[in-house]
Amino acid sequence: LGTVLVNIGVVWYGRRRLHASITRQRWPALVAVHAAAAEEYVAAISRLSAAEWTSRPSAEAWSAAEITEHLARTYSQYAGEARGKNSLRIRLGPVRRTLARIFVKPRLLAGKPFPKARAPRELRPSSGPATPADGVAIFRATGDACLRDIAMMCERRPYRRMVHPYLGALPLYEIVQFASQHIRHHRRQLPS
């Protein structure tokens, strides 16, 4: 039993150091990719008219204002988690989560379309910012705060993991990759 516990400790510690090393090594490139995705999104919502900003493409779909509020809520949630507040609840059981990590996660990180899934209640929008200019301000403010808090965590504890609601605890470098892909996913949903 003692050998088993030592082996588990060695694997846990090694994995933690590996994630810390990858996070430190890839951090500047990840932040640059995220900044590019955020700027694409800001440029897209800045061009929207007031009617496009609040109109929904279908009854179930979100308007650009609601999408922006959803992204801002997501940023706020992860910023809070980086500062030690409660993480999101994991929505999938262990078997479905493992299957999602094996089959869905690599596709999402590669930029493939997101599967149809309902956003967690905490991240669902109410009505959204009143104007595209307000949306840009809120998106930038929450995004900057989130990246600042995660960057501080990266400096202090690069081995930390954060909770994705469907995939469970992920290393920081994957969370930032998901943030970039999440923005691009919602950018595709905006009116052209």
N, C-alpha and C. Protein backbone atom coordinates (compact mmCIF):
# COMPACT_ATOMS: atom_id res chain seq x y z
N LEU A 1 0.84 -1.20 0.00
CA LEU A 1 0.00 0.00 0.00
C LEU A 1 0.88 1.26 0.00
N GLY A 2 1.96 1.24 0.75
CA GLY A 2 2.85 2.38 0.80
C GLY A 2 3.46 2.70 -0.55
N THR A 3 3.83 1.64 -1.31
CA THR A 3 4.41 1.82 -2.64
C THR A 3 3.39 2.46 -3.58
N VAL A 4 2.18 2.00 -3.49
CA VAL A 4 1.11 2.55 -4.34
C VAL A 4 0.92 4.03 -4.05
N LEU A 5 0.88 4.40 -2.79
CA LEU A 5 0.71 5.80 -2.42
C LEU A 5 1.89 6.65 -2.88
N VAL A 6 3.08 6.12 -2.77
CA VAL A 6 4.27 6.86 -3.24
C VAL A 6 4.19 7.04 -4.75
N ASN A 7 3.81 5.99 -5.48
CA ASN A 7 3.69 6.09 -6.94
C ASN A 7 2.64 7.11 -7.35
N ILE A 8 1.53 7.13 -6.65
CA ILE A 8 0.48 8.12 -6.94
C ILE A 8 1.02 9.53 -6.69
N GLY A 9 1.74 9.71 -5.60
CA GLY A 9 2.32 11.01 -5.30
C GLY A 9 3.32 11.45 -6.35
N VAL A 10 4.14 10.52 -6.83
CA VAL A 10 5.13 10.84 -7.86
C VAL A 10 4.45 11.25 -9.16
N VAL A 11 3.44 10.51 -9.56
CA VAL A 11 2.70 10.83 -10.79
C VAL A 11 2.01 12.19 -10.66
N TRP A 12 1.36 12.42 -9.52
CA TRP A 12 0.67 13.69 -9.30
C TRP A 12 1.66 14.86 -9.36
N TYR A 13 2.78 14.73 -8.68
CA TYR A 13 3.77 15.80 -8.65
C TYR A 13 4.38 16.02 -10.03
N GLY A 14 4.69 14.93 -10.75
CA GLY A 14 5.25 15.05 -12.10
C GLY A 14 4.30 15.72 -13.06
N ARG A 15 3.04 15.36 -12.98
CA ARG A 15 2.03 15.97 -13.86
C ARG A 15 1.87 17.46 -13.56
N ARG A 16 1.91 17.78 -12.30
CA ARG A 16 1.80 19.18 -11.87
C ARG A 16 2.97 20.00 -12.41
N ARG A 17 4.18 19.45 -12.31
CA ARG A 17 5.37 20.15 -12.83
C ARG A 17 5.32 20.26 -14.35
N LEU A 18 4.81 19.22 -15.02
CA LEU A 18 4.69 19.25 -16.48
C LEU A 18 3.75 20.38 -16.91
N HIS A 19 2.58 20.46 -16.26
CA HIS A 19 1.63 21.53 -16.60
C HIS A 19 2.22 22.90 -16.33
N ALA A 20 2.97 23.04 -15.25
CA ALA A 20 3.61 24.33 -14.95
C ALA A 20 4.62 24.70 -16.03
N SER A 21 5.40 23.74 -16.47
CA SER A 21 6.40 23.99 -17.51
C SER A 21 5.75 24.38 -18.83
N ILE A 22 4.72 23.64 -19.22
CA ILE A 22 4.02 23.95 -20.48
C ILE A 22 3.38 25.32 -20.40
N THR A 23 2.76 25.64 -19.27
CA THR A 23 2.10 26.94 -19.11
C THR A 23 3.12 28.07 -19.25
N ARG A 24 4.23 27.96 -18.55
CA ARG A 24 5.26 29.01 -18.63
C ARG A 24 5.80 29.17 -20.05
N GLN A 25 6.04 28.04 -20.70
CA GLN A 25 6.64 28.06 -22.03
C GLN A 25 5.69 28.66 -23.07
N ARG A 26 4.42 28.32 -23.01
CA ARG A 26 3.47 28.71 -24.05
C ARG A 26 2.72 30.00 -23.73
N TRP A 27 2.88 30.54 -22.53
CA TRP A 27 2.05 31.66 -22.09
C TRP A 27 2.06 32.86 -23.04
N PRO A 28 3.22 33.38 -23.47
CA PRO A 28 3.21 34.57 -24.35
C PRO A 28 2.45 34.32 -25.66
N ALA A 29 2.63 33.17 -26.26
CA ALA A 29 1.92 32.87 -27.51
C ALA A 29 0.42 32.73 -27.28
N LEU A 30 0.03 32.11 -26.17
CA LEU A 30 -1.39 31.95 -25.86
C LEU A 30 -2.07 33.29 -25.65
N VAL A 31 -1.40 34.18 -24.96
CA VAL A 31 -1.96 35.51 -24.70
C VAL A 31 -2.09 36.29 -26.01
N ALA A 32 -1.12 36.14 -26.91
CA ALA A 32 -1.18 36.84 -28.21
C ALA A 32 -2.34 36.31 -29.05
N VAL A 33 -2.55 35.00 -29.06
CA VAL A 33 -3.67 34.42 -29.82
C VAL A 33 -4.99 34.89 -29.22
N HIS A 34 -5.06 34.91 -27.90
CA HIS A 34 -6.29 35.37 -27.24
C HIS A 34 -6.56 36.84 -27.57
N ALA A 35 -5.52 37.66 -27.54
CA ALA A 35 -5.69 39.09 -27.84
C ALA A 35 -6.20 39.28 -29.27
N ALA A 36 -5.69 38.48 -30.21
CA ALA A 36 -6.15 38.57 -31.60
C ALA A 36 -7.63 38.18 -31.71
N ALA A 37 -8.03 37.11 -31.01
CA ALA A 37 -9.44 36.70 -31.04
C ALA A 37 -10.32 37.77 -30.42
N ALA A 38 -9.88 38.37 -29.33
CA ALA A 38 -10.66 39.42 -28.67
C ALA A 38 -10.79 40.64 -29.57
N GLU A 39 -9.72 41.02 -30.25
CA GLU A 39 -9.78 42.18 -31.15
C GLU A 39 -10.70 41.92 -32.34
N GLU A 40 -10.69 40.70 -32.87
CA GLU A 40 -11.62 40.34 -33.96
C GLU A 40 -13.06 40.52 -33.48
N TYR A 41 -13.32 40.06 -32.26
CA TYR A 41 -14.67 40.16 -31.71
C TYR A 41 -15.07 41.62 -31.52
N VAL A 42 -14.18 42.41 -30.96
CA VAL A 42 -14.46 43.84 -30.73
C VAL A 42 -14.71 44.54 -32.06
N ALA A 43 -13.90 44.24 -33.06
CA ALA A 43 -14.10 44.85 -34.38
C ALA A 43 -15.47 44.46 -34.95
N ALA A 44 -15.85 43.22 -34.76
CA ALA A 44 -17.14 42.76 -35.30
C ALA A 44 -18.32 43.43 -34.60
N ILE A 45 -18.28 43.53 -33.27
CA ILE A 45 -19.44 44.14 -32.59
C ILE A 45 -19.45 45.65 -32.76
N SER A 46 -18.29 46.24 -32.99
CA SER A 46 -18.24 47.70 -33.21
C SER A 46 -18.94 48.10 -34.50
N ARG A 47 -18.97 47.21 -35.47
CA ARG A 47 -19.60 47.51 -36.76
C ARG A 47 -21.12 47.30 -36.77
N LEU A 48 -21.68 46.73 -35.70
CA LEU A 48 -23.10 46.41 -35.70
C LEU A 48 -23.97 47.65 -35.49
N SER A 49 -25.10 47.64 -36.17
CA SER A 49 -26.08 48.71 -35.95
C SER A 49 -26.87 48.39 -34.67
N ALA A 50 -27.66 49.35 -34.21
CA ALA A 50 -28.47 49.14 -33.00
C ALA A 50 -29.46 48.00 -33.20
N ALA A 51 -30.03 47.91 -34.41
CA ALA A 51 -30.99 46.83 -34.69
C ALA A 51 -30.30 45.47 -34.70
N GLU A 52 -29.12 45.38 -35.32
CA GLU A 52 -28.39 44.11 -35.34
C GLU A 52 -27.93 43.71 -33.94
N TRP A 53 -27.61 44.71 -33.12
CA TRP A 53 -27.11 44.46 -31.78
C TRP A 53 -28.12 43.72 -30.91
N THR A 54 -29.40 44.06 -31.06
CA THR A 54 -30.42 43.48 -30.17
C THR A 54 -31.28 42.40 -30.83
N SER A 55 -31.15 42.20 -32.13
CA SER A 55 -32.02 41.22 -32.78
C SER A 55 -31.44 39.82 -32.68
N ARG A 56 -32.35 38.87 -32.49
CA ARG A 56 -31.97 37.46 -32.41
C ARG A 56 -32.18 36.80 -33.77
N PRO A 57 -31.24 35.98 -34.23
CA PRO A 57 -31.43 35.30 -35.52
C PRO A 57 -32.57 34.28 -35.49
N SER A 58 -32.83 33.69 -34.31
CA SER A 58 -33.96 32.77 -34.13
C SER A 58 -34.41 32.87 -32.68
N ALA A 59 -35.51 32.21 -32.37
CA ALA A 59 -36.07 32.31 -31.02
C ALA A 59 -35.12 31.78 -29.96
N GLU A 60 -34.36 30.72 -30.29
CA GLU A 60 -33.45 30.11 -29.31
C GLU A 60 -32.08 30.78 -29.28
N ALA A 61 -31.71 31.46 -30.35
CA ALA A 61 -30.37 32.04 -30.46
C ALA A 61 -30.28 33.34 -29.66
N TRP A 62 -29.06 33.70 -29.30
CA TRP A 62 -28.81 34.93 -28.57
C TRP A 62 -28.52 36.06 -29.53
N SER A 63 -28.87 37.26 -29.10
CA SER A 63 -28.50 38.47 -29.85
C SER A 63 -27.02 38.76 -29.60
N ALA A 64 -26.47 39.69 -30.38
CA ALA A 64 -25.07 40.08 -30.17
C ALA A 64 -24.86 40.66 -28.77
N ALA A 65 -25.86 41.39 -28.27
CA ALA A 65 -25.77 41.94 -26.91
C ALA A 65 -25.71 40.81 -25.88
N GLU A 66 -26.54 39.80 -26.06
CA GLU A 66 -26.55 38.67 -25.12
C GLU A 66 -25.26 37.85 -25.21
N ILE A 67 -24.75 37.67 -26.42
CA ILE A 67 -23.48 36.96 -26.59
C ILE A 67 -22.37 37.70 -25.86
N THR A 68 -22.35 39.01 -26.00
CA THR A 68 -21.31 39.81 -25.34
C THR A 68 -21.43 39.71 -23.82
N GLU A 69 -22.65 39.75 -23.31
CA GLU A 69 -22.83 39.60 -21.86
C GLU A 69 -22.38 38.21 -21.41
N HIS A 70 -22.68 37.19 -22.19
CA HIS A 70 -22.25 35.82 -21.88
C HIS A 70 -20.72 35.74 -21.80
N LEU A 71 -20.04 36.34 -22.77
CA LEU A 71 -18.57 36.32 -22.75
C LEU A 71 -18.03 37.09 -21.54
N ALA A 72 -18.66 38.22 -21.22
CA ALA A 72 -18.23 39.00 -20.05
C ALA A 72 -18.45 38.22 -18.76
N ARG A 73 -19.57 37.51 -18.66
CA ARG A 73 -19.84 36.69 -17.47
C ARG A 73 -18.82 35.55 -17.36
N THR A 74 -18.45 34.98 -18.50
CA THR A 74 -17.45 33.91 -18.51
C THR A 74 -16.11 34.44 -18.01
N TYR A 75 -15.71 35.60 -18.53
CA TYR A 75 -14.48 36.24 -18.06
C TYR A 75 -14.54 36.49 -16.55
N SER A 76 -15.65 37.04 -16.08
CA SER A 76 -15.78 37.35 -14.65
C SER A 76 -15.70 36.09 -13.80
N GLN A 77 -16.30 35.02 -14.28
CA GLN A 77 -16.27 33.75 -13.54
C GLN A 77 -14.84 33.24 -13.39
N TYR A 78 -14.08 33.23 -14.49
CA TYR A 78 -12.71 32.74 -14.44
C TYR A 78 -11.78 33.68 -13.67
N ALA A 79 -12.04 34.97 -13.75
CA ALA A 79 -11.26 35.93 -12.95
C ALA A 79 -11.49 35.67 -11.47
N GLY A 80 -12.74 35.43 -11.11
CA GLY A 80 -13.06 35.11 -9.71
C GLY A 80 -12.39 33.83 -9.26
N GLU A 81 -12.42 32.82 -10.10
CA GLU A 81 -11.78 31.55 -9.75
C GLU A 81 -10.26 31.74 -9.59
N ALA A 82 -9.66 32.56 -10.44
CA ALA A 82 -8.22 32.83 -10.34
C ALA A 82 -7.89 33.54 -9.02
N ARG A 83 -8.85 34.30 -8.49
CA ARG A 83 -8.64 35.00 -7.22
C ARG A 83 -9.07 34.16 -6.02
N GLY A 84 -9.48 32.91 -6.26
CA GLY A 84 -9.82 32.01 -5.16
C GLY A 84 -11.29 31.85 -4.87
N LYS A 85 -12.15 32.43 -5.70
CA LYS A 85 -13.59 32.28 -5.48
C LYS A 85 -14.05 30.94 -6.04
N ASN A 86 -15.32 30.64 -5.87
CA ASN A 86 -15.86 29.35 -6.29
C ASN A 86 -15.73 29.13 -7.79
N SER A 87 -15.41 27.90 -8.14
CA SER A 87 -15.33 27.53 -9.55
C SER A 87 -16.72 27.10 -10.03
N LEU A 88 -16.83 26.91 -11.32
CA LEU A 88 -18.08 26.41 -11.88
C LEU A 88 -18.29 24.96 -11.46
N ARG A 89 -19.54 24.57 -11.38
CA ARG A 89 -19.87 23.18 -11.09
C ARG A 89 -19.66 22.37 -12.36
N ILE A 90 -19.07 21.19 -12.24
CA ILE A 90 -18.85 20.32 -13.39
C ILE A 90 -20.19 19.68 -13.74
N ARG A 91 -20.61 19.81 -15.00
CA ARG A 91 -21.94 19.38 -15.43
C ARG A 91 -22.01 17.92 -15.86
N LEU A 92 -20.90 17.30 -16.19
CA LEU A 92 -20.91 15.92 -16.69
C LEU A 92 -20.36 14.97 -15.64
N GLY A 93 -20.91 13.75 -15.64
CA GLY A 93 -20.39 12.72 -14.75
C GLY A 93 -19.02 12.25 -15.22
N PRO A 94 -18.36 11.41 -14.44
CA PRO A 94 -16.99 11.00 -14.77
C PRO A 94 -16.85 10.30 -16.13
N VAL A 95 -17.78 9.45 -16.49
CA VAL A 95 -17.65 8.72 -17.77
C VAL A 95 -17.84 9.66 -18.95
N ARG A 96 -18.90 10.44 -18.94
CA ARG A 96 -19.15 11.38 -20.04
C ARG A 96 -18.06 12.44 -20.12
N ARG A 97 -17.56 12.88 -18.96
CA ARG A 97 -16.49 13.89 -18.94
C ARG A 97 -15.21 13.30 -19.54
N THR A 98 -14.88 12.06 -19.20
CA THR A 98 -13.69 11.42 -19.76
C THR A 98 -13.83 11.28 -21.27
N LEU A 99 -15.00 10.87 -21.74
CA LEU A 99 -15.22 10.75 -23.19
C LEU A 99 -15.10 12.12 -23.87
N ALA A 100 -15.65 13.14 -23.23
CA ALA A 100 -15.55 14.50 -23.80
C ALA A 100 -14.10 14.96 -23.85
N ARG A 101 -13.33 14.63 -22.83
CA ARG A 101 -11.92 15.04 -22.81
C ARG A 101 -11.14 14.31 -23.91
N ILE A 102 -11.51 13.07 -24.18
CA ILE A 102 -10.79 12.29 -25.19
C ILE A 102 -11.20 12.70 -26.60
N PHE A 103 -12.50 12.85 -26.85
CA PHE A 103 -12.99 13.05 -28.21
C PHE A 103 -13.33 14.50 -28.57
N VAL A 104 -13.83 15.28 -27.64
CA VAL A 104 -14.30 16.63 -27.95
C VAL A 104 -13.21 17.67 -27.72
N LYS A 105 -12.50 17.57 -26.61
CA LYS A 105 -11.49 18.59 -26.27
C LYS A 105 -10.46 18.83 -27.38
N PRO A 106 -9.86 17.79 -27.95
CA PRO A 106 -8.87 18.05 -29.01
C PRO A 106 -9.46 18.78 -30.22
N ARG A 107 -10.70 18.45 -30.56
CA ARG A 107 -11.36 19.12 -31.69
C ARG A 107 -11.59 20.60 -31.38
N LEU A 108 -12.03 20.89 -30.17
CA LEU A 108 -12.29 22.29 -29.79
C LEU A 108 -11.01 23.10 -29.76
N LEU A 109 -9.95 22.52 -29.20
CA LEU A 109 -8.67 23.24 -29.13
C LEU A 109 -8.07 23.46 -30.51
N ALA A 110 -8.47 22.61 -31.47
CA ALA A 110 -7.99 22.77 -32.85
C ALA A 110 -8.83 23.78 -33.64
N GLY A 111 -9.88 24.32 -33.01
CA GLY A 111 -10.68 25.34 -33.68
C GLY A 111 -11.91 24.81 -34.39
N LYS A 112 -12.25 23.57 -34.19
CA LYS A 112 -13.46 23.00 -34.81
C LYS A 112 -14.69 23.59 -34.13
N PRO A 113 -15.85 23.52 -34.78
CA PRO A 113 -17.07 24.08 -34.19
C PRO A 113 -17.43 23.44 -32.84
N PHE A 114 -17.97 24.25 -31.97
CA PHE A 114 -18.41 23.76 -30.66
C PHE A 114 -19.66 22.91 -30.84
N PRO A 115 -19.81 21.85 -30.05
CA PRO A 115 -21.06 21.07 -30.10
C PRO A 115 -22.19 21.88 -29.47
N LYS A 116 -23.39 21.54 -29.81
CA LYS A 116 -24.55 22.22 -29.24
C LYS A 116 -24.62 21.87 -27.75
N ALA A 117 -24.50 22.86 -26.91
CA ALA A 117 -24.57 22.65 -25.46
C ALA A 117 -25.15 23.90 -24.82
N ARG A 118 -25.89 23.71 -23.78
CA ARG A 118 -26.48 24.83 -23.06
C ARG A 118 -25.43 25.42 -22.11
N ALA A 119 -25.34 26.73 -22.10
CA ALA A 119 -24.39 27.40 -21.21
C ALA A 119 -24.82 27.19 -19.76
N PRO A 120 -23.87 27.07 -18.85
CA PRO A 120 -24.23 26.98 -17.42
C PRO A 120 -25.04 28.19 -17.00
N ARG A 121 -25.93 27.98 -16.06
CA ARG A 121 -26.85 29.03 -15.62
C ARG A 121 -26.11 30.32 -15.23
N GLU A 122 -24.97 30.18 -14.55
CA GLU A 122 -24.23 31.35 -14.10
C GLU A 122 -23.71 32.20 -15.26
N LEU A 123 -23.58 31.59 -16.42
CA LEU A 123 -23.00 32.29 -17.57
C LEU A 123 -24.02 32.70 -18.61
N ARG A 124 -25.29 32.40 -18.37
CA ARG A 124 -26.34 32.80 -19.32
C ARG A 124 -26.65 34.28 -19.18
N PRO A 125 -26.83 34.95 -20.31
CA PRO A 125 -27.08 36.40 -20.25
C PRO A 125 -28.52 36.72 -19.88
N SER A 126 -28.71 37.96 -19.42
CA SER A 126 -30.08 38.43 -19.20
C SER A 126 -30.52 39.21 -20.43
N SER A 127 -30.06 40.43 -20.60
CA SER A 127 -30.45 41.20 -21.79
C SER A 127 -29.25 41.73 -22.56
N GLY A 128 -28.14 41.91 -21.87
CA GLY A 128 -26.94 42.40 -22.53
C GLY A 128 -26.79 43.89 -22.43
N PRO A 129 -25.61 44.40 -22.80
CA PRO A 129 -25.37 45.85 -22.79
C PRO A 129 -26.30 46.57 -23.77
N ALA A 130 -26.59 47.82 -23.48
CA ALA A 130 -27.56 48.58 -24.27
C ALA A 130 -27.08 48.89 -25.70
N THR A 131 -25.80 49.17 -25.86
CA THR A 131 -25.29 49.55 -27.18
C THR A 131 -24.01 48.77 -27.49
N PRO A 132 -23.62 48.70 -28.76
CA PRO A 132 -22.35 48.05 -29.09
C PRO A 132 -21.16 48.70 -28.37
N ALA A 133 -21.19 50.03 -28.20
CA ALA A 133 -20.08 50.71 -27.49
C ALA A 133 -20.01 50.24 -26.04
N ASP A 134 -21.17 50.10 -25.40
CA ASP A 134 -21.20 49.57 -24.03
C ASP A 134 -20.68 48.13 -24.00
N GLY A 135 -21.06 47.36 -25.02
CA GLY A 135 -20.60 45.98 -25.12
C GLY A 135 -19.09 45.88 -25.25
N VAL A 136 -18.51 46.76 -26.07
CA VAL A 136 -17.05 46.78 -26.22
C VAL A 136 -16.40 47.11 -24.88
N ALA A 137 -16.94 48.09 -24.19
CA ALA A 137 -16.35 48.50 -22.90
C ALA A 137 -16.42 47.36 -21.88
N ILE A 138 -17.57 46.72 -21.78
CA ILE A 138 -17.74 45.63 -20.81
C ILE A 138 -16.86 44.44 -21.18
N PHE A 139 -16.86 44.08 -22.47
CA PHE A 139 -16.05 42.95 -22.94
C PHE A 139 -14.57 43.20 -22.66
N ARG A 140 -14.09 44.39 -22.98
CA ARG A 140 -12.67 44.70 -22.76
C ARG A 140 -12.33 44.74 -21.27
N ALA A 141 -13.19 45.36 -20.48
CA ALA A 141 -12.90 45.48 -19.03
C ALA A 141 -12.86 44.11 -18.37
N THR A 142 -13.84 43.27 -18.63
CA THR A 142 -13.85 41.95 -18.00
C THR A 142 -12.74 41.06 -18.56
N GLY A 143 -12.49 41.17 -19.85
CA GLY A 143 -11.41 40.39 -20.46
C GLY A 143 -10.05 40.76 -19.92
N ASP A 144 -9.79 42.07 -19.81
CA ASP A 144 -8.51 42.51 -19.28
C ASP A 144 -8.33 42.08 -17.82
N ALA A 145 -9.39 42.22 -17.02
CA ALA A 145 -9.31 41.82 -15.62
C ALA A 145 -9.07 40.32 -15.49
N CYS A 146 -9.76 39.54 -16.32
CA CYS A 146 -9.61 38.09 -16.27
C CYS A 146 -8.18 37.68 -16.63
N LEU A 147 -7.67 38.19 -17.75
CA LEU A 147 -6.31 37.83 -18.14
C LEU A 147 -5.28 38.30 -17.13
N ARG A 148 -5.50 39.46 -16.53
CA ARG A 148 -4.58 39.95 -15.50
C ARG A 148 -4.56 38.99 -14.31
N ASP A 149 -5.76 38.55 -13.86
CA ASP A 149 -5.83 37.65 -12.71
C ASP A 149 -5.24 36.27 -13.03
N ILE A 150 -5.51 35.77 -14.23
CA ILE A 150 -4.95 34.47 -14.60
C ILE A 150 -3.44 34.58 -14.79
N ALA A 151 -2.96 35.69 -15.33
CA ALA A 151 -1.51 35.89 -15.49
C ALA A 151 -0.82 35.93 -14.13
N MET A 152 -1.45 36.57 -13.14
CA MET A 152 -0.87 36.59 -11.79
C MET A 152 -0.82 35.17 -11.23
N MET A 153 -1.87 34.40 -11.47
CA MET A 153 -1.87 33.02 -11.01
C MET A 153 -0.80 32.22 -11.75
N CYS A 154 -0.62 32.51 -13.03
CA CYS A 154 0.40 31.82 -13.82
C CYS A 154 1.80 32.09 -13.26
N GLU A 155 2.04 33.31 -12.80
CA GLU A 155 3.34 33.64 -12.22
C GLU A 155 3.55 32.96 -10.88
N ARG A 156 2.50 32.95 -10.07
CA ARG A 156 2.63 32.41 -8.70
C ARG A 156 2.47 30.90 -8.64
N ARG A 157 1.47 30.38 -9.36
CA ARG A 157 1.18 28.94 -9.29
C ARG A 157 0.83 28.42 -10.68
N PRO A 158 1.81 28.28 -11.55
CA PRO A 158 1.54 27.86 -12.93
C PRO A 158 1.01 26.43 -13.04
N TYR A 159 1.08 25.68 -11.99
CA TYR A 159 0.58 24.30 -11.98
C TYR A 159 -0.92 24.23 -11.71
N ARG A 160 -1.53 25.35 -11.30
CA ARG A 160 -2.95 25.37 -10.97
C ARG A 160 -3.81 24.97 -12.15
N ARG A 161 -4.97 24.47 -11.83
CA ARG A 161 -5.94 24.11 -12.86
C ARG A 161 -7.23 24.87 -12.55
N MET A 162 -8.01 25.10 -13.61
CA MET A 162 -9.29 25.78 -13.45
C MET A 162 -10.38 24.88 -14.01
N VAL A 163 -11.61 25.10 -13.57
CA VAL A 163 -12.70 24.19 -13.91
C VAL A 163 -13.44 24.66 -15.15
N HIS A 164 -13.49 23.78 -16.14
CA HIS A 164 -14.35 23.96 -17.30
C HIS A 164 -15.64 23.20 -16.97
N PRO A 165 -16.81 23.79 -17.24
CA PRO A 165 -18.05 23.16 -16.78
C PRO A 165 -18.35 21.79 -17.40
N TYR A 166 -17.80 21.49 -18.55
CA TYR A 166 -18.07 20.20 -19.18
C TYR A 166 -16.87 19.27 -19.20
N LEU A 167 -15.67 19.81 -19.10
CA LEU A 167 -14.46 18.98 -19.20
C LEU A 167 -13.74 18.82 -17.87
N GLY A 168 -14.17 19.52 -16.85
CA GLY A 168 -13.53 19.40 -15.55
C GLY A 168 -12.31 20.29 -15.42
N ALA A 169 -11.43 19.95 -14.50
CA ALA A 169 -10.25 20.77 -14.21
C ALA A 169 -9.24 20.66 -15.35
N LEU A 170 -8.82 21.82 -15.86
CA LEU A 170 -7.86 21.89 -16.96
C LEU A 170 -6.70 22.78 -16.57
N PRO A 171 -5.50 22.51 -17.12
CA PRO A 171 -4.37 23.40 -16.83
C PRO A 171 -4.60 24.79 -17.42
N LEU A 172 -3.89 25.77 -16.89
CA LEU A 172 -4.08 27.16 -17.31
C LEU A 172 -3.91 27.36 -18.81
N TYR A 173 -2.92 26.70 -19.41
CA TYR A 173 -2.70 26.91 -20.84
C TYR A 173 -3.90 26.44 -21.66
N GLU A 174 -4.59 25.38 -21.23
CA GLU A 174 -5.77 24.94 -21.97
C GLU A 174 -6.96 25.86 -21.72
N ILE A 175 -7.07 26.42 -20.52
CA ILE A 175 -8.16 27.36 -20.24
C ILE A 175 -8.04 28.59 -21.14
N VAL A 176 -6.83 29.12 -21.32
CA VAL A 176 -6.65 30.29 -22.18
C VAL A 176 -6.92 29.91 -23.64
N GLN A 177 -6.51 28.71 -24.06
CA GLN A 177 -6.83 28.25 -25.41
C GLN A 177 -8.35 28.17 -25.60
N PHE A 178 -9.04 27.62 -24.61
CA PHE A 178 -10.50 27.54 -24.70
C PHE A 178 -11.13 28.92 -24.75
N ALA A 179 -10.59 29.86 -24.00
CA ALA A 179 -11.13 31.22 -24.03
C ALA A 179 -11.03 31.80 -25.43
N SER A 180 -9.91 31.59 -26.09
CA SER A 180 -9.74 32.08 -27.47
C SER A 180 -10.73 31.43 -28.41
N GLN A 181 -10.86 30.11 -28.30
CA GLN A 181 -11.79 29.39 -29.18
C GLN A 181 -13.24 29.75 -28.86
N HIS A 182 -13.54 30.01 -27.59
CA HIS A 182 -14.90 30.39 -27.19
C HIS A 182 -15.28 31.73 -27.82
N ILE A 183 -14.33 32.68 -27.82
CA ILE A 183 -14.59 33.97 -28.45
C ILE A 183 -14.82 33.79 -29.95
N ARG A 184 -13.98 32.98 -30.59
CA ARG A 184 -14.13 32.76 -32.04
C ARG A 184 -15.44 32.04 -32.35
N HIS A 185 -15.84 31.12 -31.49
CA HIS A 185 -17.13 30.41 -31.66
C HIS A 185 -18.28 31.42 -31.67
N HIS A 186 -18.27 32.34 -30.70
CA HIS A 186 -19.34 33.33 -30.65
C HIS A 186 -19.19 34.41 -31.72
N ARG A 187 -17.99 34.67 -32.14
CA ARG A 187 -17.78 35.63 -33.26
C ARG A 187 -18.49 35.14 -34.51
N ARG A 188 -18.44 33.82 -34.75
CA ARG A 188 -19.12 33.24 -35.91
C ARG A 188 -20.64 33.37 -35.83
N GLN A 189 -21.17 33.56 -34.63
CA GLN A 189 -22.62 33.67 -34.46
C GLN A 189 -23.14 35.09 -34.67
N LEU A 190 -22.24 36.05 -34.75
CA LEU A 190 -22.66 37.44 -34.92
C LEU A 190 -23.12 37.69 -36.35
N PRO A 191 -24.02 38.67 -36.54
CA PRO A 191 -24.40 39.04 -37.90
C PRO A 191 -23.18 39.58 -38.66
N SER A 192 -23.09 39.25 -39.91
CA SER A 192 -21.92 39.69 -40.70
C SER A 192 -21.95 41.15 -41.03
